[in-house]
Amino acid sequence: MKKLTALDMNRIGVEEFKKSRKTPLVVILDDVRSMYNVGSVFRTADAFRIESIYLCGITSCPPHPEIHKTALGAEDSVDWKYFHSTMEAVEELKQAGYEVWSIEQVEGSTMLQNFIPSKEKKYAVVFGNEVQGVKQEVVDNSDGCIEIPQFGTKHSLNVSTTAGIVMWDFVKSLQITD
């Protein structure tokens, strides 16, 4: 087997990306502290053609060298918007007809493998701070919470890892492939 080069993969450019059909999913980052995590989420959002990223609270915004270090230019392809508070973002999305789901471990959460998104709906998913998770106020105003099952000794995953798992699950479930 021959490893593929960047030329072999025939990737689209930023302008073509901007015009392309997107996965109907908005990613919300709720006070994410690490700019490396923010950049990683941008890069994964680019890979799965996510509609946009909402950066909230203390979450840093591009342009910034630390975001660029892990985003590798995805901060230029993926649309993003900043909100002073996560609740502002949640309220805007709900008014626009989105279902908002927090990715959090709560009583009555829906396990990721049991969450089946509908192609007729628009979704937003909230990922929380590296220490505190998603704010309780945001959880309270979400349509529900999704939890990634874990079987080891730890009770959490890195926010960028969590975002990658959830984004891929939406892409796979919605069969966004073109």
Protein backbone atom coordinates (compact mmCIF):
# COMPACT_ATOMS: atom_id res chain seq x y z
CA MET A 1 0.00 0.00 0.00
CA LYS A 2 1.23 3.46 -0.91
CA LYS A 3 0.60 6.30 1.50
CA LEU A 4 -1.38 9.08 -0.15
CA THR A 5 0.15 12.51 -0.54
CA ALA A 6 -1.78 15.75 -0.16
CA LEU A 7 -1.97 15.94 -3.96
CA ASP A 8 -3.31 12.37 -4.20
CA MET A 9 -6.18 13.28 -1.84
CA ASN A 10 -7.35 16.13 -4.08
CA ARG A 11 -8.65 18.23 -1.16
CA ILE A 12 -10.88 21.22 -1.81
CA GLY A 13 -9.69 24.76 -1.15
CA VAL A 14 -11.10 27.26 1.33
CA GLU A 15 -13.37 28.95 -1.21
CA GLU A 16 -14.84 25.64 -2.39
CA PHE A 17 -15.27 24.61 1.26
CA LYS A 18 -17.19 27.83 1.97
CA LYS A 19 -19.61 27.03 -0.88
CA SER A 20 -19.98 23.32 -0.12
CA ARG A 21 -22.89 21.58 1.59
CA LYS A 22 -22.27 21.40 5.34
CA THR A 23 -23.22 18.98 8.07
CA PRO A 24 -26.22 20.68 9.74
CA LEU A 25 -24.47 21.02 13.08
CA VAL A 26 -23.24 24.01 15.08
CA VAL A 27 -20.51 23.35 17.62
CA ILE A 28 -20.61 25.56 20.72
CA LEU A 29 -17.52 25.89 22.92
CA ASP A 30 -18.51 26.97 26.44
CA ASP A 31 -15.53 28.66 28.15
CA VAL A 32 -12.90 26.33 26.65
CA ARG A 33 -9.59 27.51 28.10
CA SER A 34 -6.98 25.86 25.88
CA MET A 35 -6.35 27.47 22.53
CA TYR A 36 -4.88 24.15 21.37
CA ASN A 37 -8.25 22.52 22.07
CA VAL A 38 -10.00 25.32 20.17
CA GLY A 39 -7.68 24.81 17.20
CA SER A 40 -8.20 21.08 17.28
CA VAL A 41 -11.98 21.54 17.22
CA PHE A 42 -11.62 23.83 14.19
CA ARG A 43 -9.53 21.24 12.37
CA THR A 44 -12.02 18.45 13.07
CA ALA A 45 -14.93 20.72 12.10
CA ASP A 46 -13.19 21.33 8.78
CA ALA A 47 -12.68 17.59 8.25
CA PHE A 48 -16.40 16.91 8.72
CA ARG A 49 -17.66 20.14 7.04
CA ILE A 50 -19.44 21.33 10.16
CA GLU A 51 -21.74 24.32 9.63
CA SER A 52 -20.04 26.61 12.16
CA ILE A 53 -18.43 27.00 15.56
CA TYR A 54 -19.72 29.36 18.25
CA LEU A 55 -16.96 30.51 20.61
CA CYS A 56 -18.35 31.64 23.96
CA GLY A 57 -17.11 33.39 27.08
CA ILE A 58 -13.39 32.97 27.75
CA THR A 59 -12.93 30.79 24.66
CA SER A 60 -10.27 32.46 22.50
CA CYS A 61 -10.97 33.47 18.92
CA PRO A 62 -8.83 33.43 15.79
CA PRO A 63 -6.51 34.75 14.70
CA HIS A 64 -4.07 33.49 17.29
CA PRO A 65 -0.81 31.51 16.85
CA GLU A 66 -1.79 28.88 19.45
CA ILE A 67 -5.14 28.23 17.73
CA HIS A 68 -3.41 28.10 14.34
CA LYS A 69 -0.84 25.59 15.62
CA THR A 70 -3.51 22.86 15.87
CA ALA A 71 -6.11 24.25 13.45
CA LEU A 72 -3.57 24.40 10.60
CA GLY A 73 -5.70 26.91 8.68
CA ALA A 74 -9.12 25.43 9.49
CA GLU A 75 -9.87 28.64 11.37
CA ASP A 76 -10.05 30.22 7.90
CA SER A 77 -12.37 27.64 6.34
CA VAL A 78 -14.88 26.98 9.14
CA ASP A 79 -17.32 29.81 9.88
CA TRP A 80 -17.28 30.99 13.47
CA LYS A 81 -18.94 33.55 15.68
CA TYR A 82 -18.16 34.89 19.15
CA PHE A 83 -20.69 35.32 21.98
CA HIS A 84 -20.05 36.97 25.34
CA SER A 85 -22.04 34.20 27.02
CA THR A 86 -22.98 30.68 26.00
CA MET A 87 -26.61 31.39 26.88
CA GLU A 88 -26.68 34.12 24.20
CA ALA A 89 -25.58 31.52 21.64
CA VAL A 90 -28.10 28.94 22.88
CA GLU A 91 -30.95 31.47 22.75
CA GLU A 92 -30.03 32.59 19.21
CA LEU A 93 -29.89 29.00 17.96
CA LYS A 94 -33.17 28.00 19.61
CA GLN A 95 -34.89 31.02 18.04
CA ALA A 96 -33.50 29.86 14.68
CA GLY A 97 -35.07 26.41 15.16
CA TYR A 98 -32.08 24.41 16.34
CA GLU A 99 -32.22 21.66 18.93
CA VAL A 100 -29.43 22.30 21.44
CA TRP A 101 -27.82 19.32 23.16
CA SER A 102 -25.12 19.60 25.81
CA ILE A 103 -22.42 16.95 25.85
CA GLU A 104 -22.37 16.24 29.56
CA GLN A 105 -22.77 13.54 32.17
CA VAL A 106 -26.11 14.22 33.87
CA GLU A 107 -28.99 12.27 35.35
CA GLY A 108 -31.07 10.98 32.46
CA SER A 109 -28.51 11.72 29.74
CA THR A 110 -28.85 9.95 26.40
CA MET A 111 -25.92 7.70 25.58
CA LEU A 112 -24.34 8.72 22.28
CA GLN A 113 -25.01 5.35 20.66
CA ASN A 114 -28.74 5.78 21.44
CA PHE A 115 -29.00 9.32 20.04
CA ILE A 116 -30.31 9.24 16.47
CA PRO A 117 -30.36 12.69 14.85
CA SER A 118 -33.09 13.41 12.31
CA LYS A 119 -32.23 14.71 8.85
CA GLU A 120 -35.23 17.05 9.18
CA LYS A 121 -33.77 18.94 12.15
CA LYS A 122 -30.92 21.34 12.80
CA TYR A 123 -28.67 20.66 15.77
CA ALA A 124 -26.18 22.41 18.00
CA VAL A 125 -23.96 20.65 20.52
CA VAL A 126 -22.33 22.33 23.51
CA PHE A 127 -18.89 21.29 24.73
CA GLY A 128 -17.78 22.58 28.11
CA ASN A 129 -14.78 23.89 29.93
CA GLU A 130 -11.90 21.49 30.53
CA VAL A 131 -12.44 21.50 34.33
CA GLN A 132 -16.10 22.41 34.98
CA GLY A 133 -17.76 21.02 31.85
CA VAL A 134 -20.91 22.66 30.48
CA LYS A 135 -22.39 25.32 32.78
CA GLN A 136 -25.49 24.17 34.70
CA GLU A 137 -27.53 27.06 33.27
CA VAL A 138 -26.71 25.84 29.75
CA VAL A 139 -27.55 22.24 30.68
CA ASP A 140 -30.88 23.47 32.11
CA ASN A 141 -31.69 25.24 28.84
CA SER A 142 -30.64 22.39 26.55
CA ASP A 143 -33.10 20.09 24.81
CA GLY A 144 -31.17 17.23 26.38
CA CYS A 145 -27.73 15.93 27.21
CA ILE A 146 -25.67 13.37 25.34
CA GLU A 147 -23.07 11.29 27.14
CA ILE A 148 -20.22 9.30 25.62
CA PRO A 149 -20.00 5.93 27.37
CA GLN A 150 -16.67 5.28 29.06
CA PHE A 151 -15.40 2.00 30.45
CA GLY A 152 -12.05 2.85 32.06
CA THR A 153 -11.02 4.45 35.31
CA LYS A 154 -11.36 8.06 34.15
CA HIS A 155 -14.66 9.92 34.09
CA SER A 156 -13.96 12.37 31.28
CA LEU A 157 -12.33 12.85 27.90
CA ASN A 158 -10.41 15.83 26.55
CA VAL A 159 -12.84 18.36 25.05
CA SER A 160 -11.29 18.16 21.57
CA THR A 161 -11.43 14.35 21.65
CA THR A 162 -15.07 14.51 22.78
CA ALA A 163 -15.87 16.99 20.01
CA GLY A 164 -14.30 14.72 17.39
CA ILE A 165 -16.27 11.69 18.55
CA VAL A 166 -19.57 13.59 18.60
CA MET A 167 -19.01 15.35 15.26
CA TRP A 168 -18.15 12.05 13.58
CA ASP A 169 -21.23 10.41 15.07
CA PHE A 170 -23.46 13.16 13.61
CA VAL A 171 -21.78 12.89 10.19
CA LYS A 172 -22.14 9.10 10.23
CA SER A 173 -25.74 9.17 11.45
CA LEU A 174 -26.80 11.86 8.97
CA GLN A 175 -24.81 10.18 6.17
CA ILE A 176 -23.11 13.38 5.08
CA THR A 177 -20.58 12.10 2.57
CA ASP A 178 -20.39 14.47 -0.37
